[in-house]
Structures are given as C-alpha cells and as structure tokens.
Amino acid sequence: MRNISDTIARLSAMHARPAAGSGERNDAHLSEITGFGSNPGALRARLYLPKNLARQAALVVVLHGCTQNAASYDHGSGWSELAAEHGFAVLFPEQQRANNPNLCFNWFVPSDIRRDSGEALSIRQMIEAAVVTHSLDRKRIFLTGLSAGGAMAAVMLADYP
C-alpha cells in the first residue's frame, strides 16, 4: 500500500495534466489516418508511431470505452508511452458522436459487427492501411479494449481471426 506522501505527490502530478474528461485534447502525438478505405462505420483512425519504431514492428490496436476518445484513453492507459519504450505502433480507432452519442463502439448493432460491414470493416481497413503504409508485421497484430472497446475487440477477433 502506498504511503500518504506518495499518494499526494501522484495526485499533484495528475492535477498538473489536463483531465481526460475535461474536453481538452492532448493528442498532438497521435496522427490521423484518412482515406484508409470505404469506412462504412464512419470511425476516425488515430495512430502513434514512436521515433524508435522497429523494422517490421508489431501493431497494437486499442479500442476505447464509452465516453472516451483516443487521446483520453491513451492518456489514462499509457499505450503510447509503452510503444515509445518498446518500439511498436499503436492504432486507436475512435468512435464519433454521430454514430453513438456516448462514444461507445456499436458492438451490439448487427450491421456494425458482421465481417466486411460497418464498424468492424472500418477497423479492419485502418489496420490494413497502417500495416501497408508503415511496413508493420502482419503476424504481430494485437487487439485490446476497455468496456465497449473490449466487446468490439471480441467482435474483431471473431470476424478477423
């Protein structure tokens, strides 16, 4: 268990950063991928490539939860920091409010979870664009997600094993 002075120091450091839900976007380190395909799910694609990106690097696809966006989830989870430390790429598919008012991936909508349709196809197209454009290793593509993003990760594993 942490002592009180350590907890206070950690809270002070967190207070100095913009809050994840504050509406402030600290996403300058995330680039946007556009034109990655037909994008039938109308999702946004954000990508983090560290300076030390290894040749034929792995790709980690990170799916945020409801009420989050790519930048807020990255800020809270530290995926881009891990990528910078270990030399892999991180793709953040991002839901749009026009698709879901709570910014949840639509893992419960049949047309969004079928192979080659909806949000599932959009995510697959993002992955393909990142792999081709940045010469990433097709055999080392990993998915992770939180809440609705976790459910969409399960959809992706079922549709595109």
N, C-alpha and C. Protein backbone atom coordinates (compact mmCIF):
# COMPACT_ATOMS: atom_id res chain seq x y z
N MET A 1 0.85 -1.18 0.00
CA MET A 1 0.00 0.00 0.00
C MET A 1 0.89 1.24 0.00
N ARG A 2 0.51 2.24 -0.76
CA ARG A 2 1.29 3.47 -0.83
C ARG A 2 1.11 4.29 0.45
N ASN A 3 2.16 5.06 0.78
CA ASN A 3 2.01 5.95 1.92
C ASN A 3 1.36 7.25 1.48
N ILE A 4 0.93 8.05 2.40
CA ILE A 4 0.17 9.26 2.10
C ILE A 4 0.98 10.28 1.30
N SER A 5 2.28 10.42 1.57
CA SER A 5 3.08 11.40 0.83
C SER A 5 3.23 10.99 -0.63
N ASP A 6 3.34 9.68 -0.89
CA ASP A 6 3.41 9.21 -2.28
C ASP A 6 2.08 9.47 -2.98
N THR A 7 0.98 9.22 -2.32
CA THR A 7 -0.35 9.46 -2.90
C THR A 7 -0.54 10.94 -3.21
N ILE A 8 -0.15 11.81 -2.31
CA ILE A 8 -0.27 13.25 -2.53
C ILE A 8 0.59 13.69 -3.71
N ALA A 9 1.80 13.18 -3.81
CA ALA A 9 2.68 13.52 -4.92
C ALA A 9 2.08 13.06 -6.25
N ARG A 10 1.51 11.87 -6.28
CA ARG A 10 0.90 11.35 -7.52
C ARG A 10 -0.33 12.17 -7.90
N LEU A 11 -1.15 12.53 -6.93
CA LEU A 11 -2.33 13.36 -7.20
C LEU A 11 -1.94 14.74 -7.71
N SER A 12 -0.88 15.30 -7.15
CA SER A 12 -0.40 16.62 -7.60
C SER A 12 0.08 16.55 -9.04
N ALA A 13 0.80 15.48 -9.37
CA ALA A 13 1.28 15.32 -10.75
C ALA A 13 0.11 15.16 -11.70
N MET A 14 -0.91 14.39 -11.31
CA MET A 14 -2.08 14.20 -12.16
C MET A 14 -2.86 15.51 -12.31
N HIS A 15 -2.91 16.30 -11.28
CA HIS A 15 -3.64 17.57 -11.32
C HIS A 15 -3.00 18.53 -12.32
N ALA A 16 -1.70 18.43 -12.52
CA ALA A 16 -0.99 19.30 -13.45
C ALA A 16 -1.30 18.97 -14.91
N ARG A 17 -1.78 17.74 -15.18
CA ARG A 17 -2.11 17.33 -16.56
C ARG A 17 -3.58 17.63 -16.83
N PRO A 18 -3.96 17.86 -18.10
CA PRO A 18 -5.38 18.04 -18.41
C PRO A 18 -6.15 16.77 -18.07
N ALA A 19 -7.31 16.94 -17.51
CA ALA A 19 -8.14 15.79 -17.15
C ALA A 19 -8.66 15.11 -18.40
N ALA A 20 -8.78 13.79 -18.35
CA ALA A 20 -9.23 13.01 -19.51
C ALA A 20 -10.61 13.44 -19.97
N GLY A 21 -11.49 13.76 -19.07
CA GLY A 21 -12.84 14.13 -19.45
C GLY A 21 -13.07 15.63 -19.52
N SER A 22 -11.99 16.42 -19.48
CA SER A 22 -12.14 17.86 -19.41
C SER A 22 -12.51 18.51 -20.72
N GLY A 23 -12.48 17.72 -21.81
CA GLY A 23 -12.75 18.31 -23.11
C GLY A 23 -11.48 18.78 -23.79
N GLU A 24 -10.41 18.93 -23.02
CA GLU A 24 -9.13 19.30 -23.59
C GLU A 24 -8.54 18.07 -24.26
N ARG A 25 -8.06 18.25 -25.47
CA ARG A 25 -7.47 17.13 -26.19
C ARG A 25 -5.97 17.34 -26.25
N ASN A 26 -5.25 16.46 -25.61
CA ASN A 26 -3.80 16.49 -25.67
C ASN A 26 -3.38 15.33 -26.57
N ASP A 27 -3.65 15.51 -27.88
CA ASP A 27 -3.43 14.40 -28.80
C ASP A 27 -2.45 14.74 -29.90
N ALA A 28 -1.57 15.69 -29.67
CA ALA A 28 -0.62 16.10 -30.71
C ALA A 28 0.28 14.94 -31.14
N HIS A 29 0.50 13.98 -30.28
CA HIS A 29 1.36 12.84 -30.61
C HIS A 29 0.64 11.79 -31.45
N LEU A 30 -0.68 11.92 -31.60
CA LEU A 30 -1.45 10.97 -32.39
C LEU A 30 -1.71 11.57 -33.77
N SER A 31 -1.30 10.85 -34.81
CA SER A 31 -1.58 11.33 -36.16
C SER A 31 -2.91 10.73 -36.62
N GLU A 32 -3.53 11.37 -37.58
CA GLU A 32 -4.79 10.87 -38.11
C GLU A 32 -4.54 10.16 -39.43
N ILE A 33 -5.17 9.00 -39.57
CA ILE A 33 -5.13 8.27 -40.83
C ILE A 33 -6.44 8.59 -41.55
N THR A 34 -6.33 9.08 -42.77
CA THR A 34 -7.52 9.34 -43.57
C THR A 34 -7.42 8.53 -44.85
N GLY A 35 -8.53 8.35 -45.52
CA GLY A 35 -8.54 7.62 -46.78
C GLY A 35 -8.10 6.18 -46.64
N PHE A 36 -8.42 5.55 -45.52
CA PHE A 36 -7.97 4.18 -45.27
C PHE A 36 -8.92 3.14 -45.86
N GLY A 37 -9.95 3.57 -46.53
CA GLY A 37 -10.90 2.63 -47.14
C GLY A 37 -12.27 3.25 -47.22
N SER A 38 -13.26 2.43 -47.45
CA SER A 38 -14.63 2.94 -47.56
C SER A 38 -15.20 3.41 -46.22
N ASN A 39 -14.63 2.93 -45.13
CA ASN A 39 -15.01 3.33 -43.77
C ASN A 39 -16.53 3.32 -43.54
N PRO A 40 -17.17 2.17 -43.73
CA PRO A 40 -18.63 2.12 -43.59
C PRO A 40 -19.12 2.41 -42.16
N GLY A 41 -18.26 2.25 -41.18
CA GLY A 41 -18.63 2.55 -39.80
C GLY A 41 -18.43 4.00 -39.41
N ALA A 42 -17.90 4.80 -40.33
CA ALA A 42 -17.66 6.24 -40.12
C ALA A 42 -16.86 6.51 -38.84
N LEU A 43 -15.81 5.72 -38.64
CA LEU A 43 -14.93 5.89 -37.48
C LEU A 43 -13.74 6.77 -37.86
N ARG A 44 -13.09 7.29 -36.86
CA ARG A 44 -11.86 8.05 -37.03
C ARG A 44 -10.69 7.13 -36.68
N ALA A 45 -9.56 7.30 -37.34
CA ALA A 45 -8.37 6.48 -37.09
C ALA A 45 -7.24 7.36 -36.61
N ARG A 46 -6.69 7.04 -35.44
CA ARG A 46 -5.56 7.76 -34.86
C ARG A 46 -4.42 6.77 -34.70
N LEU A 47 -3.19 7.21 -34.94
CA LEU A 47 -2.03 6.33 -34.93
C LEU A 47 -0.89 6.96 -34.17
N TYR A 48 -0.21 6.14 -33.38
CA TYR A 48 1.01 6.58 -32.71
C TYR A 48 2.17 5.75 -33.23
N LEU A 49 3.17 6.42 -33.77
CA LEU A 49 4.40 5.78 -34.23
C LEU A 49 5.56 6.37 -33.44
N PRO A 50 6.23 5.58 -32.63
CA PRO A 50 7.35 6.13 -31.87
C PRO A 50 8.55 6.41 -32.77
N LYS A 51 9.43 7.26 -32.31
CA LYS A 51 10.65 7.59 -33.08
C LYS A 51 11.52 6.36 -33.29
N ASN A 52 11.47 5.43 -32.36
CA ASN A 52 12.30 4.22 -32.45
C ASN A 52 11.51 3.03 -33.01
N LEU A 53 10.56 3.31 -33.92
CA LEU A 53 9.75 2.24 -34.49
C LEU A 53 10.66 1.22 -35.15
N ALA A 54 10.56 -0.01 -34.69
CA ALA A 54 11.39 -1.09 -35.21
C ALA A 54 10.96 -1.46 -36.62
N ARG A 55 11.87 -2.00 -37.40
CA ARG A 55 11.53 -2.52 -38.73
C ARG A 55 10.59 -3.71 -38.52
N GLN A 56 9.54 -3.80 -39.33
CA GLN A 56 8.53 -4.86 -39.18
C GLN A 56 8.00 -4.91 -37.74
N ALA A 57 7.69 -3.75 -37.21
CA ALA A 57 7.22 -3.63 -35.83
C ALA A 57 5.84 -4.24 -35.65
N ALA A 58 5.53 -4.56 -34.43
CA ALA A 58 4.20 -5.03 -34.06
C ALA A 58 3.22 -3.86 -34.07
N LEU A 59 1.94 -4.18 -34.17
CA LEU A 59 0.87 -3.18 -34.10
C LEU A 59 -0.08 -3.59 -32.99
N VAL A 60 -0.38 -2.66 -32.09
CA VAL A 60 -1.38 -2.88 -31.06
C VAL A 60 -2.56 -1.97 -31.38
N VAL A 61 -3.74 -2.57 -31.50
CA VAL A 61 -4.98 -1.84 -31.79
C VAL A 61 -5.70 -1.67 -30.46
N VAL A 62 -5.95 -0.42 -30.08
CA VAL A 62 -6.50 -0.09 -28.77
C VAL A 62 -7.88 0.55 -28.94
N LEU A 63 -8.90 -0.10 -28.40
CA LEU A 63 -10.28 0.35 -28.53
C LEU A 63 -10.77 0.93 -27.21
N HIS A 64 -11.13 2.21 -27.24
CA HIS A 64 -11.55 2.92 -26.03
C HIS A 64 -12.95 2.50 -25.58
N GLY A 65 -13.29 2.89 -24.37
CA GLY A 65 -14.62 2.63 -23.83
C GLY A 65 -15.57 3.79 -24.10
N CYS A 66 -16.79 3.64 -23.64
CA CYS A 66 -17.80 4.68 -23.79
C CYS A 66 -17.35 5.97 -23.11
N THR A 67 -17.76 7.08 -23.65
CA THR A 67 -17.47 8.45 -23.19
C THR A 67 -15.99 8.84 -23.36
N GLN A 68 -15.20 7.98 -23.96
CA GLN A 68 -13.78 8.28 -24.16
C GLN A 68 -13.50 8.56 -25.64
N ASN A 69 -12.33 9.10 -25.88
CA ASN A 69 -11.82 9.21 -27.23
C ASN A 69 -10.41 8.63 -27.22
N ALA A 70 -9.77 8.61 -28.36
CA ALA A 70 -8.44 8.01 -28.46
C ALA A 70 -7.45 8.68 -27.50
N ALA A 71 -7.45 10.00 -27.49
CA ALA A 71 -6.48 10.73 -26.67
C ALA A 71 -6.71 10.51 -25.18
N SER A 72 -7.97 10.53 -24.75
CA SER A 72 -8.22 10.36 -23.31
C SER A 72 -7.88 8.94 -22.86
N TYR A 73 -8.18 7.96 -23.70
CA TYR A 73 -7.85 6.59 -23.32
C TYR A 73 -6.34 6.38 -23.33
N ASP A 74 -5.67 6.93 -24.31
CA ASP A 74 -4.21 6.83 -24.34
C ASP A 74 -3.61 7.51 -23.11
N HIS A 75 -4.12 8.67 -22.78
CA HIS A 75 -3.61 9.41 -21.62
C HIS A 75 -3.74 8.58 -20.34
N GLY A 76 -4.87 7.93 -20.16
CA GLY A 76 -5.10 7.15 -18.94
C GLY A 76 -4.41 5.80 -18.94
N SER A 77 -4.23 5.22 -20.12
CA SER A 77 -3.68 3.86 -20.19
C SER A 77 -2.18 3.81 -20.41
N GLY A 78 -1.63 4.82 -21.06
CA GLY A 78 -0.18 4.87 -21.30
C GLY A 78 0.31 4.04 -22.47
N TRP A 79 -0.59 3.68 -23.40
CA TRP A 79 -0.17 2.84 -24.52
C TRP A 79 0.93 3.49 -25.36
N SER A 80 0.83 4.78 -25.63
CA SER A 80 1.87 5.41 -26.46
C SER A 80 3.21 5.47 -25.72
N GLU A 81 3.17 5.60 -24.41
CA GLU A 81 4.42 5.57 -23.65
C GLU A 81 5.07 4.20 -23.73
N LEU A 82 4.26 3.15 -23.62
CA LEU A 82 4.78 1.78 -23.77
C LEU A 82 5.35 1.56 -25.17
N ALA A 83 4.65 2.08 -26.18
CA ALA A 83 5.11 1.94 -27.56
C ALA A 83 6.45 2.66 -27.76
N ALA A 84 6.60 3.83 -27.16
CA ALA A 84 7.86 4.57 -27.27
C ALA A 84 8.99 3.80 -26.59
N GLU A 85 8.67 3.16 -25.50
CA GLU A 85 9.69 2.40 -24.76
C GLU A 85 10.10 1.13 -25.51
N HIS A 86 9.14 0.49 -26.20
CA HIS A 86 9.41 -0.82 -26.80
C HIS A 86 9.41 -0.85 -28.33
N GLY A 87 9.13 0.26 -28.99
CA GLY A 87 9.26 0.35 -30.44
C GLY A 87 8.17 -0.30 -31.26
N PHE A 88 6.92 -0.25 -30.82
CA PHE A 88 5.81 -0.77 -31.62
C PHE A 88 4.83 0.35 -31.95
N ALA A 89 3.96 0.11 -32.92
CA ALA A 89 2.95 1.09 -33.34
C ALA A 89 1.65 0.84 -32.59
N VAL A 90 0.88 1.91 -32.39
CA VAL A 90 -0.42 1.79 -31.73
C VAL A 90 -1.48 2.48 -32.59
N LEU A 91 -2.53 1.74 -32.90
CA LEU A 91 -3.66 2.26 -33.66
C LEU A 91 -4.83 2.44 -32.70
N PHE A 92 -5.42 3.63 -32.74
CA PHE A 92 -6.58 3.94 -31.90
C PHE A 92 -7.79 4.22 -32.79
N PRO A 93 -8.62 3.23 -33.11
CA PRO A 93 -9.89 3.55 -33.77
C PRO A 93 -10.70 4.42 -32.81
N GLU A 94 -11.41 5.38 -33.34
CA GLU A 94 -12.13 6.32 -32.48
C GLU A 94 -13.58 6.47 -32.95
N GLN A 95 -14.50 6.27 -32.03
CA GLN A 95 -15.92 6.42 -32.32
C GLN A 95 -16.26 7.91 -32.48
N GLN A 96 -17.29 8.18 -33.24
CA GLN A 96 -17.78 9.55 -33.47
C GLN A 96 -19.14 9.70 -32.80
N ARG A 97 -19.40 10.87 -32.27
CA ARG A 97 -20.67 11.12 -31.58
C ARG A 97 -21.87 10.92 -32.52
N ALA A 98 -21.70 11.17 -33.82
CA ALA A 98 -22.80 10.96 -34.77
C ALA A 98 -23.20 9.50 -34.86
N ASN A 99 -22.29 8.59 -34.58
CA ASN A 99 -22.57 7.14 -34.60
C ASN A 99 -23.18 6.65 -33.29
N ASN A 100 -22.72 7.24 -32.19
CA ASN A 100 -23.17 6.83 -30.87
C ASN A 100 -22.99 8.01 -29.92
N PRO A 101 -24.08 8.55 -29.37
CA PRO A 101 -23.98 9.75 -28.52
C PRO A 101 -23.05 9.60 -27.31
N ASN A 102 -22.87 8.35 -26.84
CA ASN A 102 -21.99 8.11 -25.70
C ASN A 102 -20.58 7.70 -26.12
N LEU A 103 -20.30 7.75 -27.41
CA LEU A 103 -19.00 7.39 -27.99
C LEU A 103 -18.64 5.92 -27.77
N CYS A 104 -19.67 5.07 -27.60
CA CYS A 104 -19.44 3.63 -27.48
C CYS A 104 -19.29 3.03 -28.87
N PHE A 105 -18.40 2.06 -29.01
CA PHE A 105 -18.41 1.28 -30.24
C PHE A 105 -19.71 0.49 -30.25
N ASN A 106 -20.31 0.33 -31.42
CA ASN A 106 -21.62 -0.31 -31.54
C ASN A 106 -21.52 -1.82 -31.66
N TRP A 107 -20.95 -2.45 -30.64
CA TRP A 107 -20.75 -3.90 -30.61
C TRP A 107 -22.07 -4.66 -30.56
N PHE A 108 -23.16 -3.98 -30.33
CA PHE A 108 -24.48 -4.60 -30.19
C PHE A 108 -25.36 -4.40 -31.43
N VAL A 109 -24.84 -3.75 -32.46
CA VAL A 109 -25.61 -3.49 -33.68
C VAL A 109 -25.16 -4.49 -34.75
N PRO A 110 -26.05 -5.39 -35.16
CA PRO A 110 -25.64 -6.44 -36.10
C PRO A 110 -24.92 -5.94 -37.35
N SER A 111 -25.35 -4.83 -37.92
CA SER A 111 -24.71 -4.34 -39.15
C SER A 111 -23.31 -3.77 -38.89
N ASP A 112 -22.96 -3.51 -37.64
CA ASP A 112 -21.62 -2.99 -37.32
C ASP A 112 -20.66 -4.09 -36.89
N ILE A 113 -21.16 -5.30 -36.68
CA ILE A 113 -20.28 -6.35 -36.17
C ILE A 113 -20.10 -7.53 -37.12
N ARG A 114 -20.77 -7.49 -38.26
CA ARG A 114 -20.59 -8.55 -39.25
C ARG A 114 -19.30 -8.35 -40.00
N ARG A 115 -18.64 -9.45 -40.33
CA ARG A 115 -17.42 -9.38 -41.14
C ARG A 115 -17.72 -8.61 -42.43
N ASP A 116 -16.83 -7.73 -42.80
CA ASP A 116 -16.92 -6.93 -44.03
C ASP A 116 -18.10 -5.98 -44.05
N SER A 117 -18.50 -5.46 -42.88
CA SER A 117 -19.52 -4.41 -42.84
C SER A 117 -19.31 -3.54 -41.61
N GLY A 118 -19.88 -2.37 -41.65
CA GLY A 118 -19.95 -1.46 -40.51
C GLY A 118 -18.62 -1.15 -39.84
N GLU A 119 -18.69 -0.97 -38.52
CA GLU A 119 -17.51 -0.59 -37.75
C GLU A 119 -16.42 -1.65 -37.80
N ALA A 120 -16.80 -2.92 -37.85
CA ALA A 120 -15.79 -3.98 -37.92
C ALA A 120 -14.94 -3.82 -39.18
N LEU A 121 -15.57 -3.56 -40.31
CA LEU A 121 -14.81 -3.37 -41.55
C LEU A 121 -13.97 -2.10 -41.48
N SER A 122 -14.50 -1.04 -40.91
CA SER A 122 -13.71 0.19 -40.77
C SER A 122 -12.42 -0.07 -39.99
N ILE A 123 -12.52 -0.79 -38.89
CA ILE A 123 -11.34 -1.10 -38.08
C ILE A 123 -10.37 -1.97 -38.88
N ARG A 124 -10.91 -2.95 -39.59
CA ARG A 124 -10.06 -3.81 -40.43
C ARG A 124 -9.32 -2.99 -41.50
N GLN A 125 -10.02 -2.03 -42.10
CA GLN A 125 -9.40 -1.17 -43.11
C GLN A 125 -8.31 -0.29 -42.50
N MET A 126 -8.52 0.20 -41.29
CA MET A 126 -7.50 1.00 -40.60
C MET A 126 -6.24 0.17 -40.37
N ILE A 127 -6.45 -1.04 -39.91
CA ILE A 127 -5.32 -1.94 -39.63
C ILE A 127 -4.53 -2.17 -40.91
N GLU A 128 -5.22 -2.49 -41.99
CA GLU A 128 -4.56 -2.75 -43.27
C GLU A 128 -3.77 -1.53 -43.74
N ALA A 129 -4.36 -0.36 -43.64
CA ALA A 129 -3.68 0.87 -44.06
C ALA A 129 -2.41 1.10 -43.23
N ALA A 130 -2.50 0.89 -41.92
CA ALA A 130 -1.33 1.09 -41.06
C ALA A 130 -0.24 0.08 -41.39
N VAL A 131 -0.61 -1.17 -41.58
CA VAL A 131 0.36 -2.23 -41.89
C VAL A 131 1.08 -1.93 -43.20
N VAL A 132 0.32 -1.60 -44.23
CA VAL A 132 0.91 -1.35 -45.55
C VAL A 132 1.76 -0.07 -45.55
N THR A 133 1.22 1.00 -45.04
CA THR A 133 1.91 2.30 -45.07
C THR A 133 3.20 2.31 -44.26
N HIS A 134 3.21 1.59 -43.14
CA HIS A 134 4.36 1.67 -42.24
C HIS A 134 5.13 0.35 -42.15
N SER A 135 4.88 -0.57 -43.07
CA SER A 135 5.58 -1.86 -43.14
C SER A 135 5.60 -2.58 -41.79
N LEU A 136 4.41 -2.69 -41.18
CA LEU A 136 4.29 -3.37 -39.90
C LEU A 136 4.14 -4.87 -40.11
N ASP A 137 4.40 -5.65 -39.08
CA ASP A 137 4.38 -7.11 -39.15
C ASP A 137 2.96 -7.65 -39.04
N ARG A 138 2.44 -8.24 -40.12
CA ARG A 138 1.09 -8.81 -40.13
C ARG A 138 0.91 -9.93 -39.12
N LYS A 139 1.99 -10.58 -38.74
CA LYS A 139 1.89 -11.70 -37.80
C LYS A 139 1.90 -11.24 -36.34
N ARG A 140 2.08 -9.92 -36.14
CA ARG A 140 2.11 -9.39 -34.76
C ARG A 140 1.14 -8.22 -34.66
N ILE A 141 -0.13 -8.52 -34.84
CA ILE A 141 -1.19 -7.53 -34.67
C ILE A 141 -1.99 -7.97 -33.46
N PHE A 142 -2.11 -7.09 -32.49
CA PHE A 142 -2.77 -7.41 -31.22
C PHE A 142 -3.91 -6.42 -30.99
N LEU A 143 -4.99 -6.86 -30.34
CA LEU A 143 -6.12 -6.01 -30.03
C LEU A 143 -6.38 -6.01 -28.54
N THR A 144 -6.75 -4.86 -28.05
CA THR A 144 -7.16 -4.74 -26.66
C THR A 144 -8.25 -3.68 -26.60
N GLY A 145 -9.09 -3.76 -25.59
CA GLY A 145 -10.14 -2.77 -25.46
C GLY A 145 -10.70 -2.73 -24.06
N LEU A 146 -11.35 -1.63 -23.76
CA LEU A 146 -11.97 -1.41 -22.46
C LEU A 146 -13.48 -1.26 -22.65
N SER A 147 -14.25 -1.97 -21.87
CA SER A 147 -15.70 -1.86 -21.88
C SER A 147 -16.25 -2.10 -23.29
N ALA A 148 -16.92 -1.13 -23.89
CA ALA A 148 -17.45 -1.31 -25.25
C ALA A 148 -16.31 -1.59 -26.22
N GLY A 149 -15.14 -1.04 -25.96
CA GLY A 149 -13.97 -1.35 -26.78
C GLY A 149 -13.53 -2.80 -26.62
N GLY A 150 -13.69 -3.35 -25.43
CA GLY A 150 -13.40 -4.76 -25.20
C GLY A 150 -14.38 -5.65 -25.95
N ALA A 151 -15.64 -5.25 -25.96
CA ALA A 151 -16.64 -6.01 -26.71
C ALA A 151 -16.33 -5.95 -28.21
N MET A 152 -15.91 -4.78 -28.69
CA MET A 152 -15.57 -4.66 -30.11
C MET A 152 -14.29 -5.44 -30.42
N ALA A 153 -13.37 -5.54 -29.48
CA ALA A 153 -12.18 -6.35 -29.68
C ALA A 153 -12.59 -7.82 -29.87
N ALA A 154 -13.57 -8.28 -29.10
CA ALA A 154 -14.06 -9.65 -29.26
C ALA A 154 -14.71 -9.83 -30.64
N VAL A 155 -15.44 -8.82 -31.10
CA VAL A 155 -16.03 -8.86 -32.44
C VAL A 155 -14.93 -9.00 -33.49
N MET A 156 -13.87 -8.20 -33.36
CA MET A 156 -12.79 -8.23 -34.34
C MET A 156 -12.09 -9.60 -34.35
N LEU A 157 -11.89 -10.17 -33.18
CA LEU A 157 -11.25 -11.49 -33.11
C LEU A 157 -12.14 -12.57 -33.72
N ALA A 158 -13.44 -12.43 -33.58
CA ALA A 158 -14.36 -13.41 -34.17
C ALA A 158 -14.46 -13.21 -35.69
N ASP A 159 -14.53 -11.97 -36.15
CA ASP A 159 -14.69 -11.68 -37.57
C ASP A 159 -13.40 -11.82 -38.37
N TYR A 160 -12.28 -11.48 -37.75
CA TYR A 160 -10.98 -11.48 -38.44
C TYR A 160 -9.93 -12.16 -37.58
N PRO A 161 -10.05 -13.48 -37.40
CA PRO A 161 -9.12 -14.16 -36.51
C PRO A 161 -7.74 -14.08 -37.00
